[in-house]
Amino acid sequence: MSTTESDADVESETDDAESTPLSELPPSSKLVYKVLEYEGSMTQEEIADESRLCARTVRYALGKLETAGLITSRVYLEDARQSKYRLVE
């Protein structure tokens, strides 16, 4: 194995361990990310109202963002049926 091949293997392993960059996510996820960036932590319903996306699209985008490690969710204390989403710092 040459040095360049082993370097490429190390780089691909490192990329897998890191979170997915925002640029590789769907447009809805980028919009939801920007809404959270500008407005702070919000519930799914608040994000849908602010972004004008339907609830299903917001739910999909939040799932993608959470999987990528870009946002976190916590139980919304005022209504335990909901979650508050915020950007990872």
Protein backbone atom coordinates (compact mmCIF):
# COMPACT_ATOMS: atom_id res chain seq x y z
CA MET A 1 0.00 0.00 0.00
CA SER A 2 1.44 3.39 -0.93
CA THR A 3 1.46 6.40 1.34
CA THR A 4 -1.23 8.20 -0.67
CA GLU A 5 -3.63 5.27 -0.45
CA SER A 6 -3.31 5.05 3.31
CA ASP A 7 -3.77 8.82 3.63
CA ALA A 8 -6.98 8.59 1.60
CA ASP A 9 -8.24 5.78 3.83
CA VAL A 10 -7.56 7.85 6.95
CA GLU A 11 -9.30 10.88 5.45
CA SER A 12 -12.43 8.89 4.50
CA GLU A 13 -12.63 7.40 7.99
CA THR A 14 -12.36 10.86 9.52
CA ASP A 15 -15.09 12.21 7.22
CA ASP A 16 -17.45 9.41 8.30
CA ALA A 17 -16.92 10.26 11.96
CA GLU A 18 -17.67 13.97 11.46
CA SER A 19 -21.12 15.45 10.99
CA THR A 20 -22.59 16.00 7.53
CA PRO A 21 -21.93 19.52 6.25
CA LEU A 22 -24.96 21.73 5.79
CA SER A 23 -24.22 22.12 2.07
CA GLU A 24 -24.99 18.42 1.48
CA LEU A 25 -28.48 18.57 3.03
CA PRO A 26 -31.75 19.25 1.19
CA PRO A 27 -32.99 22.85 0.76
CA SER A 28 -35.68 22.42 3.42
CA SER A 29 -33.03 21.48 5.98
CA LYS A 30 -30.97 24.53 5.06
CA LEU A 31 -34.00 26.77 5.50
CA VAL A 32 -34.88 25.26 8.88
CA TYR A 33 -31.23 25.65 9.96
CA LYS A 34 -31.27 29.35 8.99
CA VAL A 35 -34.57 29.92 10.81
CA LEU A 36 -33.06 28.41 13.97
CA GLU A 37 -29.88 30.44 13.43
CA TYR A 38 -31.81 33.73 13.27
CA GLU A 39 -34.64 33.05 15.73
CA GLY A 40 -33.01 30.80 18.35
CA SER A 41 -34.62 27.68 19.81
CA MET A 42 -38.12 26.92 18.54
CA THR A 43 -40.71 24.15 18.47
CA GLN A 44 -41.60 22.33 15.26
CA GLU A 45 -44.83 24.31 15.01
CA GLU A 46 -43.02 27.62 15.44
CA ILE A 47 -40.48 26.63 12.77
CA ALA A 48 -43.31 25.70 10.38
CA ASP A 49 -45.00 29.07 10.96
CA GLU A 50 -41.78 31.05 10.52
CA SER A 51 -40.49 29.14 7.49
CA ARG A 52 -43.89 28.68 5.80
CA LEU A 53 -43.05 25.00 5.26
CA CYS A 54 -45.64 22.31 5.96
CA ALA A 55 -45.27 20.37 9.22
CA ARG A 56 -44.24 17.18 7.42
CA THR A 57 -41.41 18.95 5.58
CA VAL A 58 -40.22 20.57 8.81
CA ARG A 59 -40.24 17.18 10.54
CA TYR A 60 -38.18 15.69 7.70
CA ALA A 61 -35.71 18.60 7.77
CA LEU A 62 -35.32 18.39 11.55
CA GLY A 63 -34.61 14.68 11.28
CA LYS A 64 -31.90 15.30 8.69
CA LEU A 65 -30.36 18.08 10.80
CA GLU A 66 -30.38 15.94 13.96
CA THR A 67 -28.83 12.99 12.13
CA ALA A 68 -26.12 15.32 10.79
CA GLY A 69 -25.41 16.52 14.34
CA LEU A 70 -26.23 20.15 13.54
CA ILE A 71 -29.16 20.57 15.96
CA THR A 72 -30.34 19.10 19.24
CA SER A 73 -33.80 18.73 20.73
CA ARG A 74 -35.10 18.94 24.26
CA VAL A 75 -38.52 18.51 25.79
CA TYR A 76 -40.49 21.76 25.74
CA LEU A 77 -41.31 22.38 29.40
CA GLU A 78 -44.53 24.30 28.68
CA ASP A 79 -45.91 21.34 26.69
CA ALA A 80 -44.12 18.01 27.19
CA ARG A 81 -45.65 16.65 23.97
CA GLN A 82 -43.42 18.97 21.98
CA SER A 83 -39.68 19.46 21.62
CA LYS A 84 -37.58 22.62 21.35
CA TYR A 85 -34.89 22.53 18.68
CA ARG A 86 -31.68 24.53 18.74
CA LEU A 87 -28.36 24.67 16.92
CA VAL A 88 -25.41 22.73 18.30
CA GLU A 89 -22.85 25.15 19.66
